[in-house]
C-alpha atoms as a PDB file:
ATOM      1  CA  MET A   1       0.147  -0.239   0.033  1.00  0.00           C
ATOM      2  CA  VAL A   2       0.982   3.184  -0.956  1.00  0.00           C
ATOM      3  CA  ALA A   3       0.886   6.311   2.107  1.00  0.00           C
ATOM      4  CA  SER A   4      -0.617   9.477   0.948  1.00  0.00           C
ATOM      5  CA  PHE A   5       1.839  12.406  -0.303  1.00  0.00           C
ATOM      6  CA  VAL A   6       1.599  15.193  -2.427  1.00  0.00           C
ATOM      7  CA  TYR A   7       3.774  15.688  -5.565  1.00  0.00           C
ATOM      8  CA  ASN A   8       4.979  18.744  -6.194  1.00  0.00           C
ATOM      9  CA  ALA A   9       6.400  18.990 -10.172  1.00  0.00           C
ATOM     10  CA  SER A  10       8.393  22.193 -11.000  1.00  0.00           C
ATOM     11  CA  PRO A  11       7.423  22.918 -14.806  1.00  0.00           C
ATOM     12  CA  ALA A  12      10.577  23.443 -17.178  1.00  0.00           C
ATOM     13  CA  ARG A  13      11.764  23.096 -20.824  1.00  0.00           C
ATOM     14  CA  VAL A  14      15.367  20.319 -20.884  1.00  0.00           C
ATOM     15  CA  VAL A  15      17.117  19.767 -23.712  1.00  0.00           C
ATOM     16  CA  PHE A  16      19.292  17.026 -23.178  1.00  0.00           C
ATOM     17  CA  GLY A  17      22.372  15.811 -25.587  1.00  0.00           C
ATOM     18  CA  SER A  18      25.513  16.252 -26.524  1.00  0.00           C
ATOM     19  CA  GLY A  19      25.948  19.837 -28.637  1.00  0.00           C
ATOM     20  CA  THR A  20      22.272  20.471 -27.496  1.00  0.00           C
ATOM     21  CA  LEU A  21      23.530  24.414 -26.570  1.00  0.00           C
ATOM     22  CA  ALA A  22      23.931  24.806 -30.654  1.00  0.00           C
ATOM     23  CA  GLY A  23      20.016  26.058 -29.978  1.00  0.00           C
ATOM     24  CA  LEU A  24      20.513  27.954 -27.441  1.00  0.00           C
ATOM     25  CA  PRO A  25      19.370  31.317 -30.145  1.00  0.00           C
ATOM     26  CA  GLU A  26      16.326  29.224 -30.834  1.00  0.00           C
ATOM     27  CA  GLU A  27      15.074  28.910 -27.485  1.00  0.00           C
ATOM     28  CA  VAL A  28      16.051  32.434 -26.853  1.00  0.00           C
ATOM     29  CA  ASP A  29      13.571  33.125 -29.452  1.00  0.00           C
ATOM     30  CA  ARG A  30      10.895  30.180 -28.284  1.00  0.00           C
ATOM     31  CA  LEU A  31      10.939  32.112 -25.332  1.00  0.00           C
ATOM     32  CA  GLY A  32      10.658  35.424 -27.182  1.00  0.00           C
ATOM     33  CA  LEU A  33      13.107  37.415 -25.747  1.00  0.00           C
ATOM     34  CA  SER A  34      15.518  39.879 -28.153  1.00  0.00           C
ATOM     35  CA  ARG A  35      18.381  41.205 -25.505  1.00  0.00           C
ATOM     36  CA  VAL A  36      19.922  38.533 -23.333  1.00  0.00           C
ATOM     37  CA  LEU A  37      22.308  38.755 -20.837  1.00  0.00           C
ATOM     38  CA  VAL A  38      24.528  36.299 -20.230  1.00  0.00           C
ATOM     39  CA  VAL A  39      26.254  36.286 -17.671  1.00  0.00           C
ATOM     40  CA  ALA A  40      29.375  33.283 -16.046  1.00  0.00           C
ATOM     41  CA  THR A  41      31.874  33.436 -13.330  1.00  0.00           C
ATOM     42  CA  PRO A  42      35.770  35.572 -14.453  1.00  0.00           C
ATOM     43  CA  GLN A  43      37.131  31.990 -15.023  1.00  0.00           C
ATOM     44  CA  GLN A  44      33.956  31.198 -17.801  1.00  0.00           C
ATOM     45  CA  ALA A  45      34.379  34.753 -19.254  1.00  0.00           C
ATOM     46  CA  ALA A  46      35.129  33.276 -22.563  1.00  0.00           C
ATOM     47  CA  GLU A  47      32.575  30.954 -23.075  1.00  0.00           C
ATOM     48  CA  ALA A  48      29.979  33.712 -22.369  1.00  0.00           C
ATOM     49  CA  GLU A  49      31.810  36.177 -24.646  1.00  0.00           C
ATOM     50  CA  ALA A  50      31.633  33.519 -27.421  1.00  0.00           C
ATOM     51  CA  LEU A  51      27.584  32.474 -26.328  1.00  0.00           C
ATOM     52  CA  ALA A  52      27.424  36.566 -26.723  1.00  0.00           C
ATOM     53  CA  VAL A  53      29.035  36.533 -30.372  1.00  0.00           C
ATOM     54  CA  ARG A  54      26.764  33.577 -31.578  1.00  0.00           C
ATOM     55  CA  LEU A  55      23.476  35.094 -30.722  1.00  0.00           C
ATOM     56  CA  GLY A  56      24.513  37.992 -31.847  1.00  0.00           C
ATOM     57  CA  GLY A  57      21.664  40.688 -31.715  1.00  0.00           C
ATOM     58  CA  ARG A  58      20.055  38.652 -29.713  1.00  0.00           C
ATOM     59  CA  ALA A  59      22.589  39.038 -26.945  1.00  0.00           C
ATOM     60  CA  ALA A  60      22.824  42.797 -24.521  1.00  0.00           C
ATOM     61  CA  GLY A  61      26.176  41.740 -23.679  1.00  0.00           C
ATOM     62  CA  THR A  62      28.219  39.653 -20.841  1.00  0.00           C
ATOM     63  CA  PHE A  63      28.291  39.842 -16.821  1.00  0.00           C
ATOM     64  CA  ALA A  64      31.340  37.748 -16.059  1.00  0.00           C
ATOM     65  CA  GLU A  65      31.164  37.952 -12.169  1.00  0.00           C
ATOM     66  CA  ALA A  66      29.682  34.921 -10.297  1.00  0.00           C
ATOM     67  CA  ALA A  67      30.893  34.042  -7.445  1.00  0.00           C
ATOM     68  CA  MET A  68      30.167  31.013  -4.687  1.00  0.00           C
ATOM     69  CA  HIS A  69      27.657  31.361  -2.634  1.00  0.00           C
ATOM     70  CA  THR A  70      26.047  33.931  -4.115  1.00  0.00           C
ATOM     71  CA  PRO A  71      26.889  36.917  -2.642  1.00  0.00           C
ATOM     72  CA  VAL A  72      24.107  39.952  -2.904  1.00  0.00           C
ATOM     73  CA  GLU A  73      26.733  42.435  -3.348  1.00  0.00           C
ATOM     74  CA  VAL A  74      27.764  41.181  -6.759  1.00  0.00           C
ATOM     75  CA  THR A  75      24.048  40.729  -7.861  1.00  0.00           C
ATOM     76  CA  ASP A  76      23.212  44.790  -6.920  1.00  0.00           C
ATOM     77  CA  ARG A  77      26.833  45.056  -9.129  1.00  0.00           C
ATOM     78  CA  ALA A  78      25.055  43.056 -12.021  1.00  0.00           C
ATOM     79  CA  ILE A  79      21.289  44.560 -11.448  1.00  0.00           C
ATOM     80  CA  ALA A  80      23.413  47.934 -11.687  1.00  0.00           C
ATOM     81  CA  ALA A  81      24.428  47.084 -15.048  1.00  0.00           C
ATOM     82  CA  MET A  82      22.312  45.855 -16.560  1.00  0.00           C
ATOM     83  CA  THR A  83      19.645  49.361 -15.566  1.00  0.00           C
ATOM     84  CA  GLY A  84      18.650  51.067 -18.978  1.00  0.00           C
ATOM     85  CA  ARG A  85      20.051  48.190 -21.132  1.00  0.00           C
ATOM     86  CA  GLY A  86      16.735  46.938 -22.305  1.00  0.00           C
ATOM     87  CA  ILE A  87      17.777  43.952 -20.840  1.00  0.00           C
ATOM     88  CA  ASP A  88      14.279  40.934 -21.445  1.00  0.00           C
ATOM     89  CA  GLY A  89      16.495  37.819 -20.115  1.00  0.00           C
ATOM     90  CA  LEU A  90      19.014  35.640 -18.644  1.00  0.00           C
ATOM     91  CA  VAL A  91      21.186  33.254 -20.027  1.00  0.00           C
ATOM     92  CA  ALA A  92      23.581  31.548 -17.600  1.00  0.00           C
ATOM     93  CA  VAL A  93      26.371  29.174 -19.020  1.00  0.00           C
ATOM     94  CA  GLY A  94      28.939  27.829 -15.886  1.00  0.00           C
ATOM     95  CA  GLY A  95      28.385  25.390 -12.497  1.00  0.00           C
ATOM     96  CA  GLY A  96      25.825  26.406  -9.015  1.00  0.00           C
ATOM     97  CA  SER A  97      28.097  29.884  -8.704  1.00  0.00           C
ATOM     98  CA  THR A  98      26.575  31.322 -11.810  1.00  0.00           C
ATOM     99  CA  THR A  99      22.735  29.536 -11.920  1.00  0.00           C
ATOM    100  CA  GLY A 100      22.396  31.369  -8.291  1.00  0.00           C
ATOM    101  CA  LEU A 101      23.368  34.248  -9.733  1.00  0.00           C
ATOM    102  CA  ALA A 102      21.000  34.081 -12.768  1.00  0.00           C
ATOM    103  CA  LYS A 103      18.541  33.167 -10.176  1.00  0.00           C
ATOM    104  CA  ALA A 104      19.434  35.934  -7.792  1.00  0.00           C
ATOM    105  CA  ILE A 105      18.672  38.348 -10.337  1.00  0.00           C
ATOM    106  CA  ALA A 106      15.622  36.355 -11.504  1.00  0.00           C
ATOM    107  CA  LEU A 107      14.421  37.389  -7.926  1.00  0.00           C
ATOM    108  CA  ARG A 108      14.162  40.916  -7.994  1.00  0.00           C
ATOM    109  CA  THR A 109      13.440  41.416 -11.900  1.00  0.00           C
ATOM    110  CA  ASP A 110      11.550  38.427 -12.791  1.00  0.00           C
ATOM    111  CA  LEU A 111      13.742  38.196 -16.135  1.00  0.00           C
ATOM    112  CA  PRO A 112      12.937  34.508 -17.457  1.00  0.00           C
ATOM    113  CA  GLN A 113      16.221  32.501 -17.058  1.00  0.00           C
ATOM    114  CA  ILE A 114      18.090  30.085 -19.548  1.00  0.00           C
ATOM    115  CA  VAL A 115      20.758  27.982 -17.923  1.00  0.00           C
ATOM    116  CA  ALA A 116      23.621  25.664 -19.571  1.00  0.00           C
ATOM    117  CA  PRO A 117      25.131  23.808 -16.845  1.00  0.00           C
ATOM    118  CA  THR A 118      28.633  22.764 -16.710  1.00  0.00           C
ATOM    119  CA  THR A 119      28.591  21.246 -13.602  1.00  0.00           C
ATOM    120  CA  TYR A 120      26.703  19.226 -11.959  1.00  0.00           C
ATOM    121  CA  ALA A 121      24.955  20.879  -9.451  1.00  0.00           C
ATOM    122  CA  GLY A 122      21.263  20.476 -10.014  1.00  0.00           C
ATOM    123  CA  SER A 123      20.469  24.036  -9.103  1.00  0.00           C
ATOM    124  CA  GLU A 124      19.144  24.721 -12.289  1.00  0.00           C
ATOM    125  CA  MET A 125      16.138  22.212 -11.625  1.00  0.00           C
ATOM    126  CA  THR A 126      14.980  23.711  -8.225  1.00  0.00           C
ATOM    127  CA  PRO A 127      13.276  27.058  -7.110  1.00  0.00           C
ATOM    128  CA  ILE A 128      15.952  27.437  -4.562  1.00  0.00           C
ATOM    129  CA  LEU A 129      18.616  30.309  -3.893  1.00  0.00           C
ATOM    130  CA  GLY A 130      21.082  30.570  -1.222  1.00  0.00           C
ATOM    131  CA  GLU A 131      22.551  33.330  -1.014  1.00  0.00           C
ATOM    132  CA  THR A 132      25.549  34.959   1.174  1.00  0.00           C
ATOM    133  CA  LYS A 133      25.329  39.066   2.999  1.00  0.00           C
ATOM    134  CA  ASP A 134      27.739  39.015   6.184  1.00  0.00           C
ATOM    135  CA  GLY A 135      29.417  35.991   6.333  1.00  0.00           C
ATOM    136  CA  ARG A 136      25.542  34.314   6.473  1.00  0.00           C
ATOM    137  CA  LYS A 137      24.002  32.023   4.041  1.00  0.00           C
ATOM    138  CA  VAL A 138      20.457  32.395   3.925  1.00  0.00           C
ATOM    139  CA  THR A 139      18.128  29.966   1.463  1.00  0.00           C
ATOM    140  CA  LEU A 140      14.703  31.348   0.127  1.00  0.00           C
ATOM    141  CA  THR A 141      12.584  28.923  -1.894  1.00  0.00           C
ATOM    142  CA  SER A 142      10.218  31.000  -4.830  1.00  0.00           C
ATOM    143  CA  PRO A 143       8.615  29.843  -8.391  1.00  0.00           C
ATOM    144  CA  LYS A 144      10.695  33.080  -9.619  1.00  0.00           C
ATOM    145  CA  VAL A 145      13.969  31.610  -9.705  1.00  0.00           C
ATOM    146  CA  LEU A 146      13.150  28.456 -11.608  1.00  0.00           C
ATOM    147  CA  PRO A 147      15.009  28.172 -14.899  1.00  0.00           C
ATOM    148  CA  GLU A 148      12.821  28.149 -17.510  1.00  0.00           C
ATOM    149  CA  VAL A 149      15.083  26.243 -19.829  1.00  0.00           C
ATOM    150  CA  VAL A 150      18.150  24.090 -19.193  1.00  0.00           C
ATOM    151  CA  ILE A 151      20.214  22.778 -21.884  1.00  0.00           C
ATOM    152  CA  TYR A 152      22.130  20.107 -21.087  1.00  0.00           C
ATOM    153  CA  ASP A 153      24.810  20.042 -23.254  1.00  0.00           C
ATOM    154  CA  ILE A 154      27.064  16.878 -22.370  1.00  0.00           C
ATOM    155  CA  ASP A 155      29.820  18.422 -24.317  1.00  0.00           C
ATOM    156  CA  LEU A 156      30.189  21.088 -21.698  1.00  0.00           C
ATOM    157  CA  THR A 157      31.210  18.697 -19.142  1.00  0.00           C
ATOM    158  CA  LEU A 158      34.270  16.857 -21.087  1.00  0.00           C
ATOM    159  CA  THR A 159      36.659  19.271 -20.284  1.00  0.00           C
ATOM    160  CA  LEU A 160      35.328  19.784 -16.486  1.00  0.00           C
ATOM    161  CA  PRO A 161      38.365  18.272 -14.500  1.00  0.00           C
ATOM    162  CA  PRO A 162      38.403  15.190 -12.722  1.00  0.00           C
ATOM    163  CA  LEU A 163      38.240  16.327  -9.320  1.00  0.00           C
ATOM    164  CA  MET A 164      35.563  18.514  -9.828  1.00  0.00           C
ATOM    165  CA  SER A 165      33.692  16.217 -11.352  1.00  0.00           C
ATOM    166  CA  ALA A 166      33.816  13.956  -8.589  1.00  0.00           C
ATOM    167  CA  THR A 167      33.242  16.881  -6.052  1.00  0.00           C
ATOM    168  CA  SER A 168      30.295  18.227  -7.998  1.00  0.00           C
ATOM    169  CA  GLY A 169      29.211  14.456  -8.361  1.00  0.00           C
ATOM    170  CA  MET A 170      28.930  13.996  -5.071  1.00  0.00           C
ATOM    171  CA  ASN A 171      26.903  17.250  -4.533  1.00  0.00           C
ATOM    172  CA  ALA A 172      24.391  16.312  -6.879  1.00  0.00           C
ATOM    173  CA  ILE A 173      24.484  12.899  -5.016  1.00  0.00           C
ATOM    174  CA  ALA A 174      23.783  15.283  -1.754  1.00  0.00           C
ATOM    175  CA  HIS A 175      20.281  15.937  -3.194  1.00  0.00           C
ATOM    176  CA  ALA A 176      19.345  12.313  -3.507  1.00  0.00           C
ATOM    177  CA  VAL A 177      20.071  10.984  -0.642  1.00  0.00           C
ATOM    178  CA  GLU A 178      17.977  13.504   1.691  1.00  0.00           C
ATOM    179  CA  ALA A 179      15.224  13.408  -0.527  1.00  0.00           C
ATOM    180  CA  PHE A 180      14.108   9.997   0.416  1.00  0.00           C
ATOM    181  CA  TYR A 181      14.198  11.325   4.154  1.00  0.00           C
ATOM    182  CA  ALA A 182      12.735  14.704   3.482  1.00  0.00           C
ATOM    183  CA  ARG A 183       9.389  15.930   4.841  1.00  0.00           C
ATOM    184  CA  GLU A 184       7.972  16.052   1.659  1.00  0.00           C
ATOM    185  CA  ALA A 185       9.317  12.812   0.555  1.00  0.00           C
ATOM    186  CA  ASN A 186       6.981  10.733  -1.899  1.00  0.00           C
ATOM    187  CA  PRO A 187       7.658   7.799  -3.957  1.00  0.00           C
ATOM    188  CA  VAL A 188       7.802   9.481  -7.342  1.00  0.00           C
ATOM    189  CA  ILE A 189      10.945  11.595  -5.724  1.00  0.00           C
ATOM    190  CA  SER A 190      12.303   8.610  -4.327  1.00  0.00           C
ATOM    191  CA  LEU A 191      12.621   6.860  -7.648  1.00  0.00           C
ATOM    192  CA  LEU A 192      14.405   9.278  -9.125  1.00  0.00           C
ATOM    193  CA  ALA A 193      16.984   9.862  -6.119  1.00  0.00           C
ATOM    194  CA  GLU A 194      17.997   6.111  -6.391  1.00  0.00           C
ATOM    195  CA  GLU A 195      18.333   6.527 -10.223  1.00  0.00           C
ATOM    196  CA  GLY A 196      19.808   9.552  -9.788  1.00  0.00           C
ATOM    197  CA  ILE A 197      22.307   8.219  -7.043  1.00  0.00           C
ATOM    198  CA  ALA A 198      23.768   4.643  -9.009  1.00  0.00           C
ATOM    199  CA  ALA A 199      23.949   6.641 -13.196  1.00  0.00           C
ATOM    200  CA  LEU A 200      26.850   8.855 -10.081  1.00  0.00           C
ATOM    201  CA  ALA A 201      28.179   6.540  -8.639  1.00  0.00           C
ATOM    202  CA  ARG A 202      28.674   4.090 -11.758  1.00  0.00           C
ATOM    203  CA  SER A 203      29.874   6.464 -13.917  1.00  0.00           C
ATOM    204  CA  LEU A 204      32.104   9.300 -12.054  1.00  0.00           C
ATOM    205  CA  PRO A 205      34.776   6.766 -11.591  1.00  0.00           C
ATOM    206  CA  VAL A 206      35.410   6.364 -14.788  1.00  0.00           C
ATOM    207  CA  ILE A 207      35.069  10.028 -15.606  1.00  0.00           C
ATOM    208  CA  VAL A 208      38.018  10.118 -13.075  1.00  0.00           C
ATOM    209  CA  LYS A 209      39.944   7.751 -14.886  1.00  0.00           C
ATOM    210  CA  SER A 210      38.772   8.663 -18.520  1.00  0.00           C
ATOM    211  CA  PRO A 211      37.821  12.371 -17.870  1.00  0.00           C
ATOM    212  CA  ARG A 212      36.348  12.039 -21.851  1.00  0.00           C
ATOM    213  CA  ASP A 213      34.731   8.861 -21.959  1.00  0.00           C
ATOM    214  CA  VAL A 214      31.669  10.515 -23.506  1.00  0.00           C
ATOM    215  CA  ASP A 215      29.062   7.875 -22.217  1.00  0.00           C
ATOM    216  CA  ALA A 216      30.133   7.878 -18.570  1.00  0.00           C
ATOM    217  CA  ARG A 217      29.630  11.740 -18.890  1.00  0.00           C
ATOM    218  CA  ALA A 218      26.411  11.441 -20.461  1.00  0.00           C
ATOM    219  CA  ASP A 219      25.396   8.838 -17.689  1.00  0.00           C
ATOM    220  CA  ALA A 220      26.567  11.683 -14.834  1.00  0.00           C
ATOM    221  CA  LEU A 221      24.771  14.493 -16.268  1.00  0.00           C
ATOM    222  CA  TYR A 222      21.916  12.518 -16.327  1.00  0.00           C
ATOM    223  CA  GLY A 223      22.064  11.326 -12.768  1.00  0.00           C
ATOM    224  CA  ALA A 224      22.491  15.004 -11.829  1.00  0.00           C
ATOM    225  CA  TRP A 225      19.808  16.595 -13.457  1.00  0.00           C
ATOM    226  CA  LEU A 226      17.583  13.838 -11.775  1.00  0.00           C
ATOM    227  CA  CYS A 227      19.162  14.808  -8.664  1.00  0.00           C
ATOM    228  CA  GLY A 228      18.585  18.409  -8.847  1.00  0.00           C
ATOM    229  CA  ILE A 229      14.525  17.571  -9.512  1.00  0.00           C
ATOM    230  CA  CYS A 230      14.834  15.411  -6.044  1.00  0.00           C
ATOM    231  CA  LEU A 231      15.943  18.926  -3.909  1.00  0.00           C
ATOM    232  CA  GLY A 232      14.178  20.545  -6.321  1.00  0.00           C
ATOM    233  CA  SER A 233      10.798  19.321  -5.293  1.00  0.00           C
ATOM    234  CA  VAL A 234      10.862  18.132  -1.198  1.00  0.00           C
ATOM    235  CA  GLY A 235      12.707  19.929   1.152  1.00  0.00           C
ATOM    236  CA  MET A 236      15.787  19.661   2.734  1.00  0.00           C
ATOM    237  CA  ALA A 237      17.495  18.531   6.348  1.00  0.00           C
ATOM    238  CA  LEU A 238      20.048  18.564   8.800  1.00  0.00           C
ATOM    239  CA  HIS A 239      23.194  17.943   5.891  1.00  0.00           C
ATOM    240  CA  HIS A 240      21.888  21.067   3.810  1.00  0.00           C
ATOM    241  CA  LYS A 241      21.483  22.918   6.958  1.00  0.00           C
ATOM    242  CA  LEU A 242      25.359  22.245   8.002  1.00  0.00           C
ATOM    243  CA  CYS A 243      26.559  22.860   4.489  1.00  0.00           C
ATOM    244  CA  HIS A 244      25.570  26.019   4.228  1.00  0.00           C
ATOM    245  CA  THR A 245      26.407  27.240   7.459  1.00  0.00           C
ATOM    246  CA  LEU A 246      29.710  25.692   6.859  1.00  0.00           C
ATOM    247  CA  GLY A 247      29.437  27.799   3.372  1.00  0.00           C
ATOM    248  CA  GLY A 248      28.306  31.007   4.479  1.00  0.00           C
ATOM    249  CA  ALA A 249      30.508  31.086   7.355  1.00  0.00           C
ATOM    250  CA  PHE A 250      34.266  30.281   6.506  1.00  0.00           C
ATOM    251  CA  ASP A 251      34.059  30.657   2.753  1.00  0.00           C
ATOM    252  CA  LEU A 252      34.377  26.859   2.206  1.00  0.00           C
ATOM    253  CA  PRO A 253      34.546  25.831  -1.461  1.00  0.00           C
ATOM    254  CA  HIS A 254      30.498  24.688  -1.770  1.00  0.00           C
ATOM    255  CA  ALA A 255      30.844  20.839  -3.829  1.00  0.00           C
ATOM    256  CA  GLU A 256      33.810  19.946  -1.273  1.00  0.00           C
ATOM    257  CA  THR A 257      31.920  20.564   1.425  1.00  0.00           C
ATOM    258  CA  HIS A 258      28.827  18.537   0.580  1.00  0.00           C
ATOM    259  CA  THR A 259      31.425  16.013  -0.169  1.00  0.00           C
ATOM    260  CA  ALA A 260      33.144  15.915   2.851  1.00  0.00           C
ATOM    261  CA  VAL A 261      29.368  16.392   5.015  1.00  0.00           C
ATOM    262  CA  LEU A 262      27.887  13.610   3.147  1.00  0.00           C
ATOM    263  CA  PRO A 263      28.831  10.587   4.658  1.00  0.00           C
ATOM    264  CA  HIS A 264      28.979  12.668   8.397  1.00  0.00           C
ATOM    265  CA  ALA A 265      25.323  13.800   7.902  1.00  0.00           C
ATOM    266  CA  VAL A 266      24.018   9.815   6.481  1.00  0.00           C
ATOM    267  CA  ALA A 267      25.611   8.050   9.411  1.00  0.00           C
ATOM    268  CA  TYR A 268      24.083  10.651  11.827  1.00  0.00           C
ATOM    269  CA  ASN A 269      20.638  10.455  10.539  1.00  0.00           C
ATOM    270  CA  ALA A 270      20.981   6.603   9.623  1.00  0.00           C
ATOM    271  CA  PRO A 271      18.907   5.315  12.604  1.00  0.00           C
ATOM    272  CA  ALA A 272      15.979   7.358  12.191  1.00  0.00           C
ATOM    273  CA  ALA A 273      15.851   6.171   8.396  1.00  0.00           C
ATOM    274  CA  PRO A 274      16.089   2.856   8.107  1.00  0.00           C
ATOM    275  CA  GLU A 275      14.429   2.373   4.549  1.00  0.00           C
ATOM    276  CA  ALA A 276      15.645   5.686   3.432  1.00  0.00           C
ATOM    277  CA  MET A 277      19.506   4.168   3.920  1.00  0.00           C
ATOM    278  CA  GLN A 278      18.641   1.119   2.407  1.00  0.00           C
ATOM    279  CA  ARG A 279      17.718   2.460  -0.843  1.00  0.00           C
ATOM    280  CA  VAL A 280      21.184   4.774  -1.077  1.00  0.00           C
ATOM    281  CA  ALA A 281      23.311   1.926  -0.175  1.00  0.00           C
ATOM    282  CA  ARG A 282      21.154   0.074  -2.945  1.00  0.00           C
ATOM    283  CA  ALA A 283      21.451   2.200  -5.371  1.00  0.00           C
ATOM    284  CA  LEU A 284      25.307   2.927  -4.222  1.00  0.00           C
ATOM    285  CA  GLY A 285      26.054  -0.996  -4.816  1.00  0.00           C
ATOM    286  CA  VAL A 286      27.313  -1.682  -1.128  1.00  0.00           C
ATOM    287  CA  SER A 287      26.100  -2.894   2.235  1.00  0.00           C
ATOM    288  CA  ASP A 288      26.047   0.821   3.978  1.00  0.00           C
ATOM    289  CA  ALA A 289      25.270   3.816   3.088  1.00  0.00           C
ATOM    290  CA  ALA A 290      27.390   6.327   5.100  1.00  0.00           C
ATOM    291  CA  THR A 291      30.331   4.209   4.564  1.00  0.00           C
ATOM    292  CA  GLY A 292      29.594   3.733   1.125  1.00  0.00           C
ATOM    293  CA  LEU A 293      29.407   7.012   0.115  1.00  0.00           C
ATOM    294  CA  HIS A 294      32.905   8.127   1.909  1.00  0.00           C
ATOM    295  CA  ASP A 295      34.388   5.430   0.255  1.00  0.00           C
ATOM    296  CA  LEU A 296      33.087   6.573  -3.337  1.00  0.00           C
ATOM    297  CA  ALA A 297      34.358  10.217  -2.279  1.00  0.00           C
ATOM    298  CA  SER A 298      37.784   9.042  -1.288  1.00  0.00           C
ATOM    299  CA  GLY A 299      38.298   6.705  -3.525  1.00  0.00           C
ATOM    300  CA  LEU A 300      37.286   9.471  -6.574  1.00  0.00           C
ATOM    301  CA  GLY A 301      40.437  11.364  -4.741  1.00  0.00           C
ATOM    302  CA  ALA A 302      37.910  14.241  -2.771  1.00  0.00           C
ATOM    303  CA  LYS A 303      39.376  15.501  -0.060  1.00  0.00           C
ATOM    304  CA  MET A 304      37.417  14.212   3.173  1.00  0.00           C
ATOM    305  CA  ALA A 305      38.204  16.368   5.831  1.00  0.00           C
ATOM    306  CA  LEU A 306      37.020  20.238   6.137  1.00  0.00           C
ATOM    307  CA  ARG A 307      40.345  21.077   7.861  1.00  0.00           C
ATOM    308  CA  ASP A 308      42.011  20.498   4.767  1.00  0.00           C
ATOM    309  CA  LEU A 309      39.225  22.923   2.837  1.00  0.00           C
ATOM    310  CA  GLY A 310      39.987  25.971   4.819  1.00  0.00           C
ATOM    311  CA  MET A 311      38.030  25.536   8.258  1.00  0.00           C
ATOM    312  CA  PRO A 312      39.565  26.117  11.272  1.00  0.00           C
ATOM    313  CA  GLU A 313      39.836  23.710  14.168  1.00  0.00           C
ATOM    314  CA  ALA A 314      38.208  26.823  16.605  1.00  0.00           C
ATOM    315  CA  GLY A 315      34.723  26.793  13.953  1.00  0.00           C
ATOM    316  CA  ILE A 316      33.606  23.446  15.452  1.00  0.00           C
ATOM    317  CA  ASP A 317      31.610  25.006  18.104  1.00  0.00           C
ATOM    318  CA  GLN A 318      30.729  28.097  16.133  1.00  0.00           C
ATOM    319  CA  ALA A 319      29.096  25.989  13.018  1.00  0.00           C
ATOM    320  CA  ALA A 320      26.853  23.509  15.946  1.00  0.00           C
ATOM    321  CA  ASP A 321      25.345  26.533  17.329  1.00  0.00           C
ATOM    322  CA  LEU A 322      24.633  28.076  13.841  1.00  0.00           C
ATOM    323  CA  ALA A 323      23.405  24.414  12.395  1.00  0.00           C
ATOM    324  CA  LEU A 324      20.953  24.573  15.749  1.00  0.00           C
ATOM    325  CA  GLN A 325      19.681  27.900  14.746  1.00  0.00           C
ATOM    326  CA  ASN A 326      16.427  28.215  12.346  1.00  0.00           C
ATOM    327  CA  GLN A 327      16.112  24.536  11.835  1.00  0.00           C
ATOM    328  CA  TYR A 328      14.945  22.186   9.598  1.00  0.00           C
ATOM    329  CA  PHE A 329      13.007  19.562   9.698  1.00  0.00           C
ATOM    330  CA  ASN A 330      15.188  16.620   9.993  1.00  0.00           C
ATOM    331  CA  PRO A 331      14.783  12.855  10.655  1.00  0.00           C
ATOM    332  CA  ARG A 332      16.279  12.457  13.685  1.00  0.00           C
ATOM    333  CA  PRO A 333      16.061  15.723  15.949  1.00  0.00           C
ATOM    334  CA  LEU A 334      19.226  17.584  16.239  1.00  0.00           C
ATOM    335  CA  GLU A 335      21.316  17.500  19.311  1.00  0.00           C
ATOM    336  CA  LYS A 336      23.985  19.814  19.648  1.00  0.00           C
ATOM    337  CA  GLN A 337      26.949  17.356  21.415  1.00  0.00           C
ATOM    338  CA  ALA A 338      25.877  14.806  18.398  1.00  0.00           C
ATOM    339  CA  VAL A 339      26.268  17.866  15.790  1.00  0.00           C
ATOM    340  CA  ARG A 340      29.478  18.909  17.338  1.00  0.00           C
ATOM    341  CA  ALA A 341      30.239  15.259  17.110  1.00  0.00           C
ATOM    342  CA  LEU A 342      29.742  15.309  13.765  1.00  0.00           C
ATOM    343  CA  ILE A 343      30.747  18.711  12.268  1.00  0.00           C
ATOM    344  CA  ARG A 344      34.790  17.098  14.560  1.00  0.00           C
ATOM    345  CA  ASP A 345      34.507  13.699  12.356  1.00  0.00           C
ATOM    346  CA  ALA A 346      33.835  15.772   9.595  1.00  0.00           C
ATOM    347  CA  TRP A 347      37.125  18.320   9.771  1.00  0.00           C
ATOM    348  CA  ALA A 348      38.895  15.580  10.952  1.00  0.00           C
ATOM    349  CA  GLY A 349      37.514  13.439   7.944  1.00  0.00           C
ATOM    350  CA  ILE A 350      37.706  10.432  10.194  1.00  0.00           C
ATOM    351  CA  ARG A 351      35.765   7.711   7.762  1.00  0.00           C
ATOM    352  CA  PRO A 352      31.858   6.793   9.724  1.00  0.00           C
ATOM    353  CA  ALA A 353      31.546   3.764  11.672  1.00  0.00           C
ATOM    354  CA  ALA A 354      28.831   1.464   9.881  1.00  0.00           C
ATOM    355  CA  THR A 355      25.561   1.896  10.796  1.00  0.00           C
END
């Protein structure tokens, strides 16, 4: 018997395949746009300029200042740069930082977005935006930030460095893991979560060894898409709360932080969500979810200690205090000493015990 549940579908047009970015001008026309701004990070400014050239008269220019954790001051600069230019849409090419900037602009202007992801972040499939101001990252949910079109071009991921591919993929897996035990969990999303985890778990080891393996890249991007749907359809729990807290407070790299924290957050929640853990373990092809996630990530070469990502030991208590403020739903109640122990284990990078 299927229990009662609520399923919210997020509308978006998805174009998936190799070479699909070539269809960007048609997607701009399909939305009835005539002057779009192309946004990117400084590192991908050249890609943004190339897209603007491809768009010709449809492009109003580029803004290549997107930054990790979506600082409000960067968004303010982007809005100021757009003033008086007749911009009627946004094109974002890049990872989560670029998508975040486009979503932050859309929140303030309600402009339509076309997003072309180059990583496995997944935020392009969600109505969620995390913004940072004064060292504090705040997350909100609004349909205004959900992109209208997502172009998944496998070719864009072929040059994503192996280690970045690994941590970006683990970040995506985290979205699916928490979907199993979210308050809004439902059988449809759980199916997508298990499929998404499995696709990434089998493709990431191949990508680390053979970065230009097109089949593995396609599998990983497919998995990341499914995991992004999970994140956008149900709520988040302790893992995401911790990662947002750590990222905002200590300016830690987003995907790498998710990678280091995930096994410990799963170990914390395992006693309260046994069925979810069984499904995670099954998707990974292992007997234990927490150790399986740790072994997958460490086997990909990822750093598993927050101290190696720049978090000071003195920040452990601060992070524990912040994590207990404005608490998210979580299957296991948040106990300060247990959460502190979780953070300390993640800081030290130890392998969690099997649950």
